[in-house]
Amino acid sequence: MALPKTLQDAIVFFSDDDICINLVASWRWPDGVAICPHCQNNTTSFLSTRKIWKCKACKKQFSVKLGTIFEDSAIPLGKWLMAIWMLANCKNGVSSYEIHRNIGITQKSAWFVLHRIRVAMVTGSIEKLSGTVEADETWVGGKSINMHASKRKRFEMKGGVRDHKQAVLGMVERKGRVRAKVVPNASGKIIVPIVRENVEKGSTLHTDQWTAYELLQNDYVHEAVNHSIQYVRDNVHTQGIENFWSLLKRTIKGTYVSVAPEHLQAYVEEQTFRYNERKNKDNDRGRFVALLESISGKRLTYKELIGYHPGH
């Protein structure tokens, strides 16, 4: 199936419901046989009048949405795929209001759709970063003086903030992949195990002169640059991770404006996905496919998203 190359092509392509179903089915079941998500049996038949499958073993019916980020959503598949295309390819992100206006769903639904897509953006990998790796931490959020009293109190209850900002630790291979994680603070107790978990031992590690990184000198070839004097010393710098921070903050401040601390990691994962797919040889289409391949086995309910706990 020839996929669209541009946003204009995608709008036309995803307007056909049958094409959307066949597209998602082809990525979920590349062998051409639908697998029952209830009993994992492959003896299934397609009911064309209802656009669902029926399992001949357990007799249960299922749609292509079941077992994916689309599960239990009444939003047409074509609108879901348009939202995926936009979020995967808009360099500075896309707001729920923009999705609401462009694909014709409510802003509340658009907000939920975007968060579900961000779950699929968390690809994960057991392969550690290697070679020359830059590590740095940054702080994301607004100044306390600009916050409503209730929001300021919520930040204070979470702890580990500086002027009501949240710490984020990032690591990037020189001209390669990036990984970033929201952390309680930038102490050595927090930073050291995360770097060890994500960076291959023996790699060259470039950082600033924050004392926490000195604890990693026995594990890596550690080089630090003193930012109070210079930003580059020969080949030693942290400009790669600084560039990622610039993209992240531009996305949050310019597009999303205000991000609740409990959702910050989702926005970090969104920017991480786009950064790691920036050199995809198929450009927009390639990034869309990379994201579509991650929709299965992931689900986020609205209650989980808002932190709803019955009886609390």
C-alpha atoms as a PDB file:
ATOM      1  CA  MET A   1       0.000   0.000   0.000  1.00  0.00           C
ATOM      2  CA  ALA A   2       1.521   3.313  -1.128  1.00  0.00           C
ATOM      3  CA  LEU A   3       1.497   5.718   1.798  1.00  0.00           C
ATOM      4  CA  PRO A   4       1.116   9.515   1.467  1.00  0.00           C
ATOM      5  CA  LYS A   5       4.208  11.712   1.446  1.00  0.00           C
ATOM      6  CA  THR A   6       2.741  15.065   2.492  1.00  0.00           C
ATOM      7  CA  LEU A   7       0.084  16.376   4.873  1.00  0.00           C
ATOM      8  CA  GLN A   8      -2.151  17.250   1.913  1.00  0.00           C
ATOM      9  CA  ASP A   9      -1.866  13.687   0.590  1.00  0.00           C
ATOM     10  CA  ALA A  10      -2.529  12.304   4.083  1.00  0.00           C
ATOM     11  CA  ILE A  11      -5.800  14.256   4.429  1.00  0.00           C
ATOM     12  CA  VAL A  12      -7.158  12.624   1.270  1.00  0.00           C
ATOM     13  CA  PHE A  13      -5.681   9.198   2.040  1.00  0.00           C
ATOM     14  CA  PHE A  14      -7.110   8.920   5.563  1.00  0.00           C
ATOM     15  CA  SER A  15     -10.606  10.025   4.492  1.00  0.00           C
ATOM     16  CA  ASP A  16     -11.323   6.451   3.334  1.00  0.00           C
ATOM     17  CA  ASP A  17     -12.264   4.278   6.322  1.00  0.00           C
ATOM     18  CA  ASP A  18     -11.538   0.999   4.522  1.00  0.00           C
ATOM     19  CA  ILE A  19      -8.017   2.155   3.623  1.00  0.00           C
ATOM     20  CA  CYS A  20      -7.391   3.113   7.262  1.00  0.00           C
ATOM     21  CA  ILE A  21      -8.561  -0.266   8.562  1.00  0.00           C
ATOM     22  CA  ASN A  22      -6.465  -2.154   6.006  1.00  0.00           C
ATOM     23  CA  LEU A  23      -3.434   0.015   6.780  1.00  0.00           C
ATOM     24  CA  VAL A  24      -3.538  -0.587  10.532  1.00  0.00           C
ATOM     25  CA  ALA A  25      -4.321  -4.282  10.010  1.00  0.00           C
ATOM     26  CA  SER A  26      -1.324  -4.664   7.683  1.00  0.00           C
ATOM     27  CA  TRP A  27       1.012  -3.285  10.359  1.00  0.00           C
ATOM     28  CA  ARG A  28      -0.553  -5.289  13.194  1.00  0.00           C
ATOM     29  CA  TRP A  29      -0.696  -8.542  11.255  1.00  0.00           C
ATOM     30  CA  PRO A  30       1.942  -8.416   8.487  1.00  0.00           C
ATOM     31  CA  ASP A  31       1.300 -12.055   7.535  1.00  0.00           C
ATOM     32  CA  GLY A  32      -2.172 -11.070   6.358  1.00  0.00           C
ATOM     33  CA  VAL A  33      -3.989 -13.144   9.001  1.00  0.00           C
ATOM     34  CA  ALA A  34      -5.659 -11.356  11.914  1.00  0.00           C
ATOM     35  CA  ILE A  35      -4.696 -12.739  15.327  1.00  0.00           C
ATOM     36  CA  CYS A  36      -7.460 -12.837  17.927  1.00  0.00           C
ATOM     37  CA  PRO A  37      -6.407 -10.565  20.831  1.00  0.00           C
ATOM     38  CA  HIS A  38      -8.565 -12.642  23.194  1.00  0.00           C
ATOM     39  CA  CYS A  39      -7.140 -16.147  22.619  1.00  0.00           C
ATOM     40  CA  GLN A  40      -4.236 -15.484  20.173  1.00  0.00           C
ATOM     41  CA  ASN A  41      -5.767 -17.871  17.612  1.00  0.00           C
ATOM     42  CA  ASN A  42      -5.286 -17.134  13.896  1.00  0.00           C
ATOM     43  CA  THR A  43      -8.470 -18.803  12.645  1.00  0.00           C
ATOM     44  CA  THR A  44     -10.392 -15.576  12.143  1.00  0.00           C
ATOM     45  CA  SER A  45     -12.759 -14.224   9.513  1.00  0.00           C
ATOM     46  CA  PHE A  46     -13.538 -10.642   8.508  1.00  0.00           C
ATOM     47  CA  LEU A  47     -17.143  -9.430   8.681  1.00  0.00           C
ATOM     48  CA  SER A  48     -17.113  -6.821   5.922  1.00  0.00           C
ATOM     49  CA  THR A  49     -20.545  -5.390   6.719  1.00  0.00           C
ATOM     50  CA  ARG A  50     -19.439  -4.445  10.245  1.00  0.00           C
ATOM     51  CA  LYS A  51     -15.710  -4.053   9.539  1.00  0.00           C
ATOM     52  CA  ILE A  52     -14.706  -6.332  12.388  1.00  0.00           C
ATOM     53  CA  TRP A  53     -13.194  -9.798  12.754  1.00  0.00           C
ATOM     54  CA  LYS A  54     -14.647 -12.899  14.392  1.00  0.00           C
ATOM     55  CA  CYS A  55     -12.539 -15.614  15.983  1.00  0.00           C
ATOM     56  CA  LYS A  56     -13.613 -19.147  15.028  1.00  0.00           C
ATOM     57  CA  ALA A  57     -11.977 -20.563  18.146  1.00  0.00           C
ATOM     58  CA  CYS A  58     -13.348 -18.421  21.006  1.00  0.00           C
ATOM     59  CA  LYS A  59     -16.237 -16.949  18.956  1.00  0.00           C
ATOM     60  CA  LYS A  60     -15.440 -13.425  20.113  1.00  0.00           C
ATOM     61  CA  GLN A  61     -15.463 -10.408  17.816  1.00  0.00           C
ATOM     62  CA  PHE A  62     -12.865  -7.655  17.667  1.00  0.00           C
ATOM     63  CA  SER A  63     -11.940  -4.582  15.675  1.00  0.00           C
ATOM     64  CA  VAL A  64      -8.533  -3.479  14.461  1.00  0.00           C
ATOM     65  CA  LYS A  65      -8.508  -0.988  17.370  1.00  0.00           C
ATOM     66  CA  LEU A  66      -8.568  -3.618  20.112  1.00  0.00           C
ATOM     67  CA  GLY A  67      -5.233  -4.026  21.846  1.00  0.00           C
ATOM     68  CA  THR A  68      -3.877  -0.688  20.590  1.00  0.00           C
ATOM     69  CA  ILE A  69      -3.862   2.952  21.678  1.00  0.00           C
ATOM     70  CA  PHE A  70      -7.162   3.276  19.742  1.00  0.00           C
ATOM     71  CA  GLU A  71      -9.039   0.817  21.993  1.00  0.00           C
ATOM     72  CA  ASP A  72     -12.484   1.897  23.261  1.00  0.00           C
ATOM     73  CA  SER A  73     -12.365   5.079  21.186  1.00  0.00           C
ATOM     74  CA  ALA A  74     -15.394   6.154  19.162  1.00  0.00           C
ATOM     75  CA  ILE A  75     -13.250   8.532  17.116  1.00  0.00           C
ATOM     76  CA  PRO A  76     -12.946   7.307  13.497  1.00  0.00           C
ATOM     77  CA  LEU A  77      -9.659   5.647  12.638  1.00  0.00           C
ATOM     78  CA  GLY A  78      -8.953   8.203   9.902  1.00  0.00           C
ATOM     79  CA  LYS A  79      -8.955  11.027  12.458  1.00  0.00           C
ATOM     80  CA  TRP A  80      -6.638   9.051  14.712  1.00  0.00           C
ATOM     81  CA  LEU A  81      -4.181   8.547  11.854  1.00  0.00           C
ATOM     82  CA  MET A  82      -4.288  12.244  10.968  1.00  0.00           C
ATOM     83  CA  ALA A  83      -3.452  13.129  14.580  1.00  0.00           C
ATOM     84  CA  ILE A  84      -0.557  10.640  14.525  1.00  0.00           C
ATOM     85  CA  TRP A  85       0.766  12.134  11.275  1.00  0.00           C
ATOM     86  CA  MET A  86       0.642  15.666  12.688  1.00  0.00           C
ATOM     87  CA  LEU A  87       2.212  14.891  16.075  1.00  0.00           C
ATOM     88  CA  ALA A  88       4.984  12.794  14.526  1.00  0.00           C
ATOM     89  CA  ASN A  89       5.946  15.501  12.051  1.00  0.00           C
ATOM     90  CA  CYS A  90       5.272  18.907  13.629  1.00  0.00           C
ATOM     91  CA  LYS A  91       8.717  19.936  14.896  1.00  0.00           C
ATOM     92  CA  ASN A  92       7.330  22.052  17.724  1.00  0.00           C
ATOM     93  CA  GLY A  93       4.449  19.742  18.580  1.00  0.00           C
ATOM     94  CA  VAL A  94       0.760  20.288  17.982  1.00  0.00           C
ATOM     95  CA  SER A  95      -1.752  21.544  20.551  1.00  0.00           C
ATOM     96  CA  SER A  96      -5.047  19.889  21.408  1.00  0.00           C
ATOM     97  CA  TYR A  97      -6.840  23.008  20.147  1.00  0.00           C
ATOM     98  CA  GLU A  98      -5.160  22.643  16.759  1.00  0.00           C
ATOM     99  CA  ILE A  99      -6.148  18.970  16.559  1.00  0.00           C
ATOM    100  CA  HIS A 100      -9.664  19.927  17.660  1.00  0.00           C
ATOM    101  CA  ARG A 101      -9.992  22.475  14.848  1.00  0.00           C
ATOM    102  CA  ASN A 102      -8.249  20.498  12.109  1.00  0.00           C
ATOM    103  CA  ILE A 103      -9.818  17.057  12.453  1.00  0.00           C
ATOM    104  CA  GLY A 104     -13.183  17.978  13.973  1.00  0.00           C
ATOM    105  CA  ILE A 105     -13.235  16.510  17.478  1.00  0.00           C
ATOM    106  CA  THR A 106     -13.696  18.218  20.844  1.00  0.00           C
ATOM    107  CA  GLN A 107     -10.686  19.799  22.527  1.00  0.00           C
ATOM    108  CA  LYS A 108     -11.032  17.404  25.466  1.00  0.00           C
ATOM    109  CA  SER A 109     -11.001  14.415  23.116  1.00  0.00           C
ATOM    110  CA  ALA A 110      -8.037  15.887  21.222  1.00  0.00           C
ATOM    111  CA  TRP A 111      -6.082  16.248  24.491  1.00  0.00           C
ATOM    112  CA  PHE A 112      -6.746  12.589  25.328  1.00  0.00           C
ATOM    113  CA  VAL A 113      -5.875  11.462  21.782  1.00  0.00           C
ATOM    114  CA  LEU A 114      -2.514  13.262  21.911  1.00  0.00           C
ATOM    115  CA  HIS A 115      -1.621  11.707  25.253  1.00  0.00           C
ATOM    116  CA  ARG A 116      -2.469   8.250  23.938  1.00  0.00           C
ATOM    117  CA  ILE A 117      -0.214   8.836  20.942  1.00  0.00           C
ATOM    118  CA  ARG A 118       2.591   9.932  23.281  1.00  0.00           C
ATOM    119  CA  VAL A 119       2.334   6.533  24.980  1.00  0.00           C
ATOM    120  CA  ALA A 120       3.140   4.945  21.594  1.00  0.00           C
ATOM    121  CA  MET A 121       6.110   7.302  21.231  1.00  0.00           C
ATOM    122  CA  VAL A 122       7.802   5.578  24.170  1.00  0.00           C
ATOM    123  CA  THR A 123       9.672   2.978  22.129  1.00  0.00           C
ATOM    124  CA  GLY A 124      12.403   2.018  24.598  1.00  0.00           C
ATOM    125  CA  SER A 125      15.570   0.090  23.826  1.00  0.00           C
ATOM    126  CA  ILE A 126      17.921  -2.194  25.738  1.00  0.00           C
ATOM    127  CA  GLU A 127      20.841  -0.939  23.630  1.00  0.00           C
ATOM    128  CA  LYS A 128      22.812   1.645  25.581  1.00  0.00           C
ATOM    129  CA  LEU A 129      24.188   4.896  24.210  1.00  0.00           C
ATOM    130  CA  SER A 130      27.870   4.646  23.295  1.00  0.00           C
ATOM    131  CA  GLY A 131      30.801   6.454  21.679  1.00  0.00           C
ATOM    132  CA  THR A 132      30.918  10.112  22.694  1.00  0.00           C
ATOM    133  CA  VAL A 133      27.899  10.904  24.846  1.00  0.00           C
ATOM    134  CA  GLU A 134      26.868  14.297  26.206  1.00  0.00           C
ATOM    135  CA  ALA A 135      24.950  14.500  29.482  1.00  0.00           C
ATOM    136  CA  ASP A 136      23.274  17.510  31.019  1.00  0.00           C
ATOM    137  CA  GLU A 137      20.323  18.481  33.159  1.00  0.00           C
ATOM    138  CA  THR A 138      17.851  21.309  32.669  1.00  0.00           C
ATOM    139  CA  TRP A 139      14.876  22.792  34.480  1.00  0.00           C
ATOM    140  CA  VAL A 140      11.462  23.084  32.863  1.00  0.00           C
ATOM    141  CA  GLY A 141       8.548  25.159  34.088  1.00  0.00           C
ATOM    142  CA  GLY A 142       7.407  28.644  34.922  1.00  0.00           C
ATOM    143  CA  LYS A 143       8.391  31.026  37.685  1.00  0.00           C
ATOM    144  CA  SER A 144       6.425  30.727  40.903  1.00  0.00           C
ATOM    145  CA  ILE A 145       5.514  34.424  40.837  1.00  0.00           C
ATOM    146  CA  ASN A 146       3.470  33.828  37.679  1.00  0.00           C
ATOM    147  CA  MET A 147       1.534  30.851  39.069  1.00  0.00           C
ATOM    148  CA  HIS A 148      -1.883  30.652  40.646  1.00  0.00           C
ATOM    149  CA  ALA A 149      -1.642  29.894  44.360  1.00  0.00           C
ATOM    150  CA  SER A 150      -3.293  26.465  43.981  1.00  0.00           C
ATOM    151  CA  LYS A 151      -0.851  25.436  41.257  1.00  0.00           C
ATOM    152  CA  ARG A 152       2.121  26.700  43.259  1.00  0.00           C
ATOM    153  CA  LYS A 153       0.994  24.580  46.206  1.00  0.00           C
ATOM    154  CA  ARG A 154       0.766  21.481  43.984  1.00  0.00           C
ATOM    155  CA  PHE A 155       4.383  21.975  42.912  1.00  0.00           C
ATOM    156  CA  GLU A 156       5.500  22.424  46.525  1.00  0.00           C
ATOM    157  CA  MET A 157       3.819  19.152  47.536  1.00  0.00           C
ATOM    158  CA  LYS A 158       5.771  17.283  44.865  1.00  0.00           C
ATOM    159  CA  GLY A 159       9.146  18.542  46.111  1.00  0.00           C
ATOM    160  CA  GLY A 160      12.450  18.526  44.250  1.00  0.00           C
ATOM    161  CA  VAL A 161      11.759  21.771  42.406  1.00  0.00           C
ATOM    162  CA  ARG A 162      13.774  24.932  41.840  1.00  0.00           C
ATOM    163  CA  ASP A 163      11.647  28.056  41.596  1.00  0.00           C
ATOM    164  CA  HIS A 164       8.784  25.683  40.774  1.00  0.00           C
ATOM    165  CA  LYS A 165      10.609  24.076  37.875  1.00  0.00           C
ATOM    166  CA  GLN A 166      11.039  20.365  37.222  1.00  0.00           C
ATOM    167  CA  ALA A 167      14.454  18.789  36.580  1.00  0.00           C
ATOM    168  CA  VAL A 168      15.074  16.758  33.414  1.00  0.00           C
ATOM    169  CA  LEU A 169      18.233  14.719  32.754  1.00  0.00           C
ATOM    170  CA  GLY A 170      19.294  14.137  29.158  1.00  0.00           C
ATOM    171  CA  MET A 171      21.971  12.090  27.383  1.00  0.00           C
ATOM    172  CA  VAL A 172      22.731  12.190  23.669  1.00  0.00           C
ATOM    173  CA  GLU A 173      25.189  10.395  21.418  1.00  0.00           C
ATOM    174  CA  ARG A 174      27.260  12.755  19.304  1.00  0.00           C
ATOM    175  CA  LYS A 175      25.088  13.073  16.161  1.00  0.00           C
ATOM    176  CA  GLY A 176      22.984  10.141  17.393  1.00  0.00           C
ATOM    177  CA  ARG A 177      20.145   9.147  19.714  1.00  0.00           C
ATOM    178  CA  VAL A 178      18.889  10.997  22.761  1.00  0.00           C
ATOM    179  CA  ARG A 179      17.325   9.798  26.007  1.00  0.00           C
ATOM    180  CA  ALA A 180      15.750  12.074  28.582  1.00  0.00           C
ATOM    181  CA  LYS A 181      14.036  11.508  31.890  1.00  0.00           C
ATOM    182  CA  VAL A 182      12.215  13.711  34.375  1.00  0.00           C
ATOM    183  CA  VAL A 183      14.032  13.433  37.722  1.00  0.00           C
ATOM    184  CA  PRO A 184      13.250  14.591  41.281  1.00  0.00           C
ATOM    185  CA  ASN A 185      16.463  16.624  41.445  1.00  0.00           C
ATOM    186  CA  ALA A 186      19.960  16.860  39.964  1.00  0.00           C
ATOM    187  CA  SER A 187      21.880  15.240  42.815  1.00  0.00           C
ATOM    188  CA  GLY A 188      24.532  12.590  42.236  1.00  0.00           C
ATOM    189  CA  LYS A 189      22.299  10.030  43.952  1.00  0.00           C
ATOM    190  CA  ILE A 190      19.754  10.498  41.165  1.00  0.00           C
ATOM    191  CA  ILE A 191      21.996  11.209  38.153  1.00  0.00           C
ATOM    192  CA  VAL A 192      24.680   8.512  38.538  1.00  0.00           C
ATOM    193  CA  PRO A 193      22.460   5.378  38.321  1.00  0.00           C
ATOM    194  CA  ILE A 194      20.476   6.795  35.377  1.00  0.00           C
ATOM    195  CA  VAL A 195      23.631   7.549  33.383  1.00  0.00           C
ATOM    196  CA  ARG A 196      25.031   4.097  34.152  1.00  0.00           C
ATOM    197  CA  GLU A 197      21.758   2.501  33.058  1.00  0.00           C
ATOM    198  CA  ASN A 198      21.696   4.324  29.723  1.00  0.00           C
ATOM    199  CA  VAL A 199      25.352   4.828  28.691  1.00  0.00           C
ATOM    200  CA  GLU A 200      27.749   1.994  27.838  1.00  0.00           C
ATOM    201  CA  LYS A 201      30.604   1.705  30.329  1.00  0.00           C
ATOM    202  CA  GLY A 202      33.892   2.969  28.895  1.00  0.00           C
ATOM    203  CA  SER A 203      32.245   5.528  26.618  1.00  0.00           C
ATOM    204  CA  THR A 204      33.475   9.114  26.472  1.00  0.00           C
ATOM    205  CA  LEU A 205      31.208  11.302  28.586  1.00  0.00           C
ATOM    206  CA  HIS A 206      31.062  15.077  28.074  1.00  0.00           C
ATOM    207  CA  THR A 207      29.354  17.176  30.759  1.00  0.00           C
ATOM    208  CA  ASP A 208      29.512  20.566  32.420  1.00  0.00           C
ATOM    209  CA  GLN A 209      31.278  20.902  35.760  1.00  0.00           C
ATOM    210  CA  TRP A 210      28.324  19.938  37.955  1.00  0.00           C
ATOM    211  CA  THR A 211      29.896  17.918  40.793  1.00  0.00           C
ATOM    212  CA  ALA A 212      27.452  14.989  40.425  1.00  0.00           C
ATOM    213  CA  TYR A 213      29.159  13.922  37.190  1.00  0.00           C
ATOM    214  CA  GLU A 214      32.521  13.576  38.939  1.00  0.00           C
ATOM    215  CA  LEU A 215      31.151  10.393  40.533  1.00  0.00           C
ATOM    216  CA  LEU A 216      31.194   8.773  37.069  1.00  0.00           C
ATOM    217  CA  GLN A 217      34.915   9.176  36.384  1.00  0.00           C
ATOM    218  CA  ASN A 218      35.692   5.503  37.106  1.00  0.00           C
ATOM    219  CA  ASP A 219      33.074   4.286  34.615  1.00  0.00           C
ATOM    220  CA  TYR A 220      33.682   6.634  31.693  1.00  0.00           C
ATOM    221  CA  VAL A 221      36.310   8.760  29.994  1.00  0.00           C
ATOM    222  CA  HIS A 222      34.924  11.893  31.585  1.00  0.00           C
ATOM    223  CA  GLU A 223      35.583  15.337  30.095  1.00  0.00           C
ATOM    224  CA  ALA A 224      34.005  18.469  31.562  1.00  0.00           C
ATOM    225  CA  VAL A 225      33.728  21.967  30.163  1.00  0.00           C
ATOM    226  CA  ASN A 226      33.530  25.007  32.434  1.00  0.00           C
ATOM    227  CA  HIS A 227      30.574  27.031  31.129  1.00  0.00           C
ATOM    228  CA  SER A 228      31.559  30.072  33.175  1.00  0.00           C
ATOM    229  CA  ILE A 229      34.648  30.373  30.967  1.00  0.00           C
ATOM    230  CA  GLN A 230      33.859  28.612  27.675  1.00  0.00           C
ATOM    231  CA  TYR A 231      31.274  26.437  25.982  1.00  0.00           C
ATOM    232  CA  VAL A 232      33.657  24.501  23.720  1.00  0.00           C
ATOM    233  CA  ARG A 233      37.136  23.207  24.501  1.00  0.00           C
ATOM    234  CA  ASP A 234      38.607  21.450  21.469  1.00  0.00           C
ATOM    235  CA  ASN A 235      36.054  18.668  20.871  1.00  0.00           C
ATOM    236  CA  VAL A 236      34.631  18.785  24.394  1.00  0.00           C
ATOM    237  CA  HIS A 237      31.170  20.370  24.624  1.00  0.00           C
ATOM    238  CA  THR A 238      27.522  19.701  25.431  1.00  0.00           C
ATOM    239  CA  GLN A 239      26.010  21.543  22.491  1.00  0.00           C
ATOM    240  CA  GLY A 240      24.158  18.468  21.226  1.00  0.00           C
ATOM    241  CA  ILE A 241      22.099  18.052  24.388  1.00  0.00           C
ATOM    242  CA  GLU A 242      21.728  21.841  24.659  1.00  0.00           C
ATOM    243  CA  ASN A 243      20.179  21.769  21.191  1.00  0.00           C
ATOM    244  CA  PHE A 244      17.698  19.139  22.383  1.00  0.00           C
ATOM    245  CA  TRP A 245      16.812  21.273  25.413  1.00  0.00           C
ATOM    246  CA  SER A 246      16.191  24.196  23.064  1.00  0.00           C
ATOM    247  CA  LEU A 247      13.767  22.108  20.985  1.00  0.00           C
ATOM    248  CA  LEU A 248      12.000  20.779  24.086  1.00  0.00           C
ATOM    249  CA  LYS A 249      11.537  24.194  25.690  1.00  0.00           C
ATOM    250  CA  ARG A 250      10.440  25.772  22.408  1.00  0.00           C
ATOM    251  CA  THR A 251       7.788  23.059  22.114  1.00  0.00           C
ATOM    252  CA  ILE A 252       6.556  23.464  25.676  1.00  0.00           C
ATOM    253  CA  LYS A 253       6.635  27.261  25.834  1.00  0.00           C
ATOM    254  CA  GLY A 254       5.539  27.936  22.265  1.00  0.00           C
ATOM    255  CA  THR A 255       2.941  25.222  21.662  1.00  0.00           C
ATOM    256  CA  TYR A 256       1.794  23.751  24.961  1.00  0.00           C
ATOM    257  CA  VAL A 257       2.374  26.906  27.078  1.00  0.00           C
ATOM    258  CA  SER A 258       1.805  25.162  30.408  1.00  0.00           C
ATOM    259  CA  VAL A 259       2.574  21.515  31.210  1.00  0.00           C
ATOM    260  CA  ALA A 260       1.544  19.896  34.484  1.00  0.00           C
ATOM    261  CA  PRO A 261       4.510  18.189  36.210  1.00  0.00           C
ATOM    262  CA  GLU A 262       2.753  14.809  36.214  1.00  0.00           C
ATOM    263  CA  HIS A 263       2.544  14.949  32.394  1.00  0.00           C
ATOM    264  CA  LEU A 264       5.999  16.377  31.674  1.00  0.00           C
ATOM    265  CA  GLN A 265       7.606  12.992  30.952  1.00  0.00           C
ATOM    266  CA  ALA A 266       5.035  12.389  28.189  1.00  0.00           C
ATOM    267  CA  TYR A 267       6.036  15.642  26.469  1.00  0.00           C
ATOM    268  CA  VAL A 268       9.716  14.748  26.894  1.00  0.00           C
ATOM    269  CA  GLU A 269       9.042  11.384  25.207  1.00  0.00           C
ATOM    270  CA  GLU A 270       7.261  13.175  22.362  1.00  0.00           C
ATOM    271  CA  GLN A 271      10.246  15.410  21.644  1.00  0.00           C
ATOM    272  CA  THR A 272      12.630  12.468  22.098  1.00  0.00           C
ATOM    273  CA  PHE A 273      10.762  10.468  19.446  1.00  0.00           C
ATOM    274  CA  ARG A 274      10.916  13.276  16.893  1.00  0.00           C
ATOM    275  CA  TYR A 275      14.584  13.936  17.627  1.00  0.00           C
ATOM    276  CA  ASN A 276      15.550  10.279  17.210  1.00  0.00           C
ATOM    277  CA  GLU A 277      13.564  10.060  13.962  1.00  0.00           C
ATOM    278  CA  ARG A 278      14.870  13.362  12.564  1.00  0.00           C
ATOM    279  CA  LYS A 279      17.068  11.604   9.989  1.00  0.00           C
ATOM    280  CA  ASN A 280      14.421   9.110   8.868  1.00  0.00           C
ATOM    281  CA  LYS A 281      15.119   8.563   5.174  1.00  0.00           C
ATOM    282  CA  ASP A 282      11.401   8.634   4.330  1.00  0.00           C
ATOM    283  CA  ASN A 283      10.877  11.965   6.130  1.00  0.00           C
ATOM    284  CA  ASP A 284       7.246  12.569   7.209  1.00  0.00           C
ATOM    285  CA  ARG A 285       6.039   9.220   5.907  1.00  0.00           C
ATOM    286  CA  GLY A 286       8.875   7.395   7.648  1.00  0.00           C
ATOM    287  CA  ARG A 287       8.195   9.044  10.997  1.00  0.00           C
ATOM    288  CA  PHE A 288       4.503   8.222  10.666  1.00  0.00           C
ATOM    289  CA  VAL A 289       5.288   4.557   9.956  1.00  0.00           C
ATOM    290  CA  ALA A 290       7.755   4.393  12.865  1.00  0.00           C
ATOM    291  CA  LEU A 291       5.051   5.636  15.216  1.00  0.00           C
ATOM    292  CA  LEU A 292       2.332   3.434  13.718  1.00  0.00           C
ATOM    293  CA  GLU A 293       4.510   0.376  14.376  1.00  0.00           C
ATOM    294  CA  SER A 294       4.359   1.141  18.117  1.00  0.00           C
ATOM    295  CA  ILE A 295       0.589   1.357  18.629  1.00  0.00           C
ATOM    296  CA  SER A 296       0.009  -2.270  19.663  1.00  0.00           C
ATOM    297  CA  GLY A 297       0.045  -3.469  23.244  1.00  0.00           C
ATOM    298  CA  LYS A 298      -0.167   0.046  24.653  1.00  0.00           C
ATOM    299  CA  ARG A 299      -3.166   1.628  26.262  1.00  0.00           C
ATOM    300  CA  LEU A 300      -3.962   4.666  28.385  1.00  0.00           C
ATOM    301  CA  THR A 301      -7.382   5.170  29.973  1.00  0.00           C
ATOM    302  CA  TYR A 302      -8.751   8.599  30.770  1.00  0.00           C
ATOM    303  CA  LYS A 303      -8.840   7.789  34.491  1.00  0.00           C
ATOM    304  CA  GLU A 304      -5.174   6.816  34.380  1.00  0.00           C
ATOM    305  CA  LEU A 305      -4.335  10.023  32.551  1.00  0.00           C
ATOM    306  CA  ILE A 306      -6.029  12.328  35.066  1.00  0.00           C
ATOM    307  CA  GLY A 307      -4.855  10.266  38.051  1.00  0.00           C
ATOM    308  CA  TYR A 308      -8.346   9.256  39.133  1.00  0.00           C
ATOM    309  CA  HIS A 309      -8.424   6.943  42.165  1.00  0.00           C
ATOM    310  CA  PRO A 310     -11.885   5.871  43.405  1.00  0.00           C
ATOM    311  CA  GLY A 311     -12.427   6.543  47.088  1.00  0.00           C
ATOM    312  CA  HIS A 312      -9.541   9.025  47.391  1.00  0.00           C
END
